[in-house]
């Protein structure tokens, strides 16, 4: 077997494994019509918009960008 054929067969095997591993969770998912599991005796809050998480994430990203673009030539005397 030539080097090119070996390389192609390895890439093909890797691709088949990748597709197989990506498809398996999709096939194992529950039907969209099924109702989520409800534990008896537990009252759940109604689902709301996740704006608090988005605001916290935006503030974290802004803080990271602020630190990333800070002047690197500053000293402790500034």
N, C-alpha and C. Protein backbone atom coordinates (compact mmCIF):
# COMPACT_ATOMS: atom_id res chain seq x y z
N UNK A 1 0.85 -1.17 0.00
CA UNK A 1 0.00 0.00 0.00
C UNK A 1 0.90 1.24 0.00
N UNK A 2 0.59 2.19 -0.83
CA UNK A 2 1.41 3.39 -0.91
C UNK A 2 1.11 4.33 0.25
N UNK A 3 1.93 5.32 0.40
CA UNK A 3 1.77 6.28 1.49
C UNK A 3 0.50 7.09 1.29
N UNK A 4 0.22 7.44 0.03
CA UNK A 4 -0.99 8.22 -0.26
C UNK A 4 -2.25 7.42 0.07
N UNK A 5 -2.28 6.15 -0.27
CA UNK A 5 -3.45 5.31 0.03
C UNK A 5 -3.62 5.14 1.53
N UNK A 6 -2.53 5.01 2.26
CA UNK A 6 -2.60 4.88 3.72
C UNK A 6 -3.15 6.16 4.34
N UNK A 7 -2.67 7.29 3.84
CA UNK A 7 -3.14 8.57 4.37
C UNK A 7 -4.62 8.77 4.08
N UNK A 8 -5.03 8.45 2.88
CA UNK A 8 -6.44 8.60 2.52
C UNK A 8 -7.32 7.67 3.35
N UNK A 9 -6.86 6.44 3.57
CA UNK A 9 -7.66 5.51 4.36
C UNK A 9 -7.76 5.96 5.81
N UNK A 10 -6.70 6.54 6.35
CA UNK A 10 -6.75 7.06 7.72
C UNK A 10 -7.71 8.24 7.82
N UNK A 11 -7.65 9.14 6.84
CA UNK A 11 -8.57 10.28 6.85
C UNK A 11 -10.02 9.82 6.70
N UNK A 12 -10.23 8.85 5.85
CA UNK A 12 -11.58 8.31 5.66
C UNK A 12 -12.09 7.65 6.94
N UNK A 13 -11.25 6.88 7.60
CA UNK A 13 -11.65 6.25 8.86
C UNK A 13 -11.94 7.30 9.92
N UNK A 14 -11.10 8.33 10.01
CA UNK A 14 -11.34 9.40 10.98
C UNK A 14 -12.65 10.12 10.68
N UNK A 15 -12.94 10.35 9.41
CA UNK A 15 -14.19 11.01 9.04
C UNK A 15 -15.40 10.17 9.38
N UNK A 16 -15.33 8.87 9.11
CA UNK A 16 -16.45 7.97 9.43
C UNK A 16 -16.68 7.92 10.93
N UNK A 17 -15.61 7.84 11.71
CA UNK A 17 -15.76 7.83 13.17
C UNK A 17 -16.33 9.15 13.68
N UNK A 18 -15.88 10.25 13.09
CA UNK A 18 -16.38 11.56 13.50
C UNK A 18 -17.87 11.68 13.23
N UNK A 19 -18.28 11.32 12.04
CA UNK A 19 -19.70 11.39 11.70
C UNK A 19 -20.52 10.46 12.59
N UNK A 20 -19.99 9.26 12.85
CA UNK A 20 -20.69 8.32 13.72
C UNK A 20 -20.87 8.83 15.13
N UNK A 21 -19.83 9.48 15.65
CA UNK A 21 -19.92 10.02 17.01
C UNK A 21 -20.81 11.25 17.08
N UNK A 22 -20.92 11.99 15.99
CA UNK A 22 -21.78 13.17 15.98
C UNK A 22 -23.25 12.81 15.77
N UNK A 23 -23.51 11.74 15.07
CA UNK A 23 -24.88 11.35 14.76
C UNK A 23 -25.52 10.60 15.92
N UNK A 24 -24.74 9.89 16.70
CA UNK A 24 -25.29 9.06 17.77
C UNK A 24 -26.12 9.85 18.79
N UNK A 25 -25.66 11.00 19.29
CA UNK A 25 -26.50 11.75 20.24
C UNK A 25 -27.79 12.25 19.61
N UNK A 26 -27.73 12.61 18.34
CA UNK A 26 -28.95 13.09 17.68
C UNK A 26 -29.98 11.97 17.55
N UNK A 27 -29.51 10.78 17.29
CA UNK A 27 -30.44 9.66 17.17
C UNK A 27 -30.98 9.23 18.53
N UNK A 28 -30.21 9.48 19.58
CA UNK A 28 -30.62 9.05 20.91
C UNK A 28 -31.53 10.08 21.61
N UNK A 29 -31.71 11.25 21.00
CA UNK A 29 -32.52 12.30 21.62
C UNK A 29 -33.98 11.87 21.68
N UNK A 30 -34.66 12.39 22.69
CA UNK A 30 -36.08 12.09 22.84
C UNK A 30 -36.88 12.78 21.74
N UNK A 31 -38.09 12.32 21.54
CA UNK A 31 -38.97 12.95 20.57
C UNK A 31 -39.34 14.35 21.05
N UNK A 32 -39.61 15.24 20.10
CA UNK A 32 -39.98 16.61 20.45
C UNK A 32 -41.35 16.66 21.10
N UNK A 33 -42.17 15.64 20.86
CA UNK A 33 -43.52 15.62 21.42
C UNK A 33 -43.54 15.20 22.89
N UNK A 34 -42.47 14.58 23.35
CA UNK A 34 -42.47 14.08 24.73
C UNK A 34 -42.33 15.23 25.72
N UNK A 35 -42.95 15.07 26.86
CA UNK A 35 -42.94 16.09 27.91
C UNK A 35 -41.71 15.86 28.79
N UNK A 36 -41.05 16.94 29.24
CA UNK A 36 -39.89 16.74 30.11
C UNK A 36 -40.31 16.11 31.44
N UNK A 37 -39.38 15.44 32.08
CA UNK A 37 -39.66 14.74 33.33
C UNK A 37 -39.97 15.75 34.43
N UNK A 38 -41.06 15.54 35.13
CA UNK A 38 -41.44 16.38 36.26
C UNK A 38 -41.39 15.53 37.51
N UNK A 39 -40.58 15.94 38.47
CA UNK A 39 -40.48 15.26 39.75
C UNK A 39 -41.75 15.56 40.54
N UNK A 40 -42.45 14.54 41.02
CA UNK A 40 -43.67 14.80 41.78
C UNK A 40 -43.36 15.50 43.11
N UNK A 41 -44.18 16.48 43.44
CA UNK A 41 -44.03 17.17 44.72
C UNK A 41 -43.08 18.36 44.67
N UNK A 42 -42.54 18.72 43.51
CA UNK A 42 -41.64 19.86 43.41
C UNK A 42 -42.29 20.89 42.52
N UNK A 43 -42.39 22.12 43.03
CA UNK A 43 -42.95 23.21 42.24
C UNK A 43 -41.80 23.94 41.55
N UNK A 44 -41.86 24.02 40.25
CA UNK A 44 -40.82 24.68 39.46
C UNK A 44 -41.24 26.10 39.13
N UNK A 45 -40.25 26.99 39.05
CA UNK A 45 -40.52 28.35 38.61
C UNK A 45 -40.72 28.35 37.10
N UNK A 46 -41.50 29.31 36.64
CA UNK A 46 -41.68 29.42 35.20
C UNK A 46 -40.39 29.93 34.56
N UNK A 47 -40.13 29.47 33.37
CA UNK A 47 -38.91 29.86 32.66
C UNK A 47 -39.04 31.30 32.19
N UNK A 48 -37.98 32.10 32.44
CA UNK A 48 -37.97 33.50 32.04
C UNK A 48 -36.82 33.75 31.10
N UNK A 49 -36.76 34.96 30.55
CA UNK A 49 -35.67 35.32 29.66
C UNK A 49 -34.36 35.37 30.44
N UNK A 50 -33.28 34.88 29.86
CA UNK A 50 -32.00 34.84 30.57
C UNK A 50 -31.20 36.13 30.43
N UNK A 51 -31.84 37.28 30.67
CA UNK A 51 -31.14 38.54 30.47
C UNK A 51 -30.05 38.77 31.52
N UNK A 52 -30.23 38.24 32.72
CA UNK A 52 -29.22 38.44 33.77
C UNK A 52 -27.91 37.77 33.38
N UNK A 53 -27.99 36.56 32.84
CA UNK A 53 -26.79 35.85 32.41
C UNK A 53 -26.10 36.59 31.25
N UNK A 54 -26.89 37.16 30.34
CA UNK A 54 -26.31 37.89 29.21
C UNK A 54 -25.64 39.17 29.69
N UNK A 55 -26.22 39.86 30.64
CA UNK A 55 -25.61 41.08 31.17
C UNK A 55 -24.31 40.73 31.90
N UNK A 56 -24.33 39.67 32.69
CA UNK A 56 -23.12 39.26 33.40
C UNK A 56 -22.04 38.84 32.42
N UNK A 57 -22.40 38.13 31.37
CA UNK A 57 -21.43 37.73 30.36
C UNK A 57 -20.86 38.92 29.61
N UNK A 58 -21.70 39.90 29.29
CA UNK A 58 -21.23 41.10 28.60
C UNK A 58 -20.27 41.89 29.48
N UNK A 59 -20.57 42.01 30.78
CA UNK A 59 -19.67 42.70 31.70
C UNK A 59 -18.34 41.97 31.83
N UNK A 60 -18.38 40.65 31.89
CA UNK A 60 -17.15 39.88 31.97
C UNK A 60 -16.31 40.05 30.71
N UNK A 61 -16.95 40.02 29.55
CA UNK A 61 -16.23 40.20 28.29
C UNK A 61 -15.63 41.61 28.22
N UNK A 62 -16.38 42.63 28.66
CA UNK A 62 -15.88 44.00 28.65
C UNK A 62 -14.68 44.14 29.59
N UNK A 63 -14.75 43.51 30.75
CA UNK A 63 -13.62 43.57 31.69
C UNK A 63 -12.39 42.89 31.11
N UNK A 64 -12.58 41.77 30.44
CA UNK A 64 -11.45 41.07 29.82
C UNK A 64 -10.84 41.91 28.71
N UNK A 65 -11.66 42.55 27.90
CA UNK A 65 -11.14 43.42 26.85
C UNK A 65 -10.43 44.63 27.43
N UNK A 66 -10.95 45.19 28.51
CA UNK A 66 -10.30 46.33 29.17
C UNK A 66 -8.91 45.95 29.65
N UNK A 67 -8.78 44.80 30.27
CA UNK A 67 -7.48 44.36 30.76
C UNK A 67 -6.56 43.99 29.59
N UNK A 68 -7.12 43.40 28.53
CA UNK A 68 -6.30 42.98 27.40
C UNK A 68 -5.68 44.17 26.67
N UNK A 69 -6.39 45.29 26.58
CA UNK A 69 -5.89 46.44 25.85
C UNK A 69 -5.27 47.51 26.75
N UNK A 70 -5.02 47.16 28.00
CA UNK A 70 -4.37 48.08 28.92
C UNK A 70 -2.93 48.30 28.46
N UNK A 71 -2.39 49.47 28.71
CA UNK A 71 -1.03 49.79 28.30
C UNK A 71 -0.05 48.85 29.02
N UNK A 72 0.72 48.04 28.26
CA UNK A 72 1.62 47.09 28.90
C UNK A 72 2.88 47.74 29.48
N UNK A 73 3.11 49.03 29.19
CA UNK A 73 4.33 49.69 29.67
C UNK A 73 4.09 50.48 30.95
N UNK A 74 2.97 50.27 31.58
CA UNK A 74 2.69 50.95 32.84
C UNK A 74 3.53 50.36 33.95
N UNK A 75 3.83 51.15 34.92
CA UNK A 75 4.57 50.67 36.08
C UNK A 75 3.68 50.79 37.31
N UNK A 76 4.19 50.34 38.44
CA UNK A 76 3.43 50.46 39.67
C UNK A 76 3.42 51.89 40.18
N UNK A 77 4.19 52.79 39.56
CA UNK A 77 4.25 54.19 39.98
C UNK A 77 3.17 55.04 39.33
N UNK A 78 2.43 54.48 38.35
CA UNK A 78 1.40 55.27 37.66
C UNK A 78 0.20 55.49 38.54
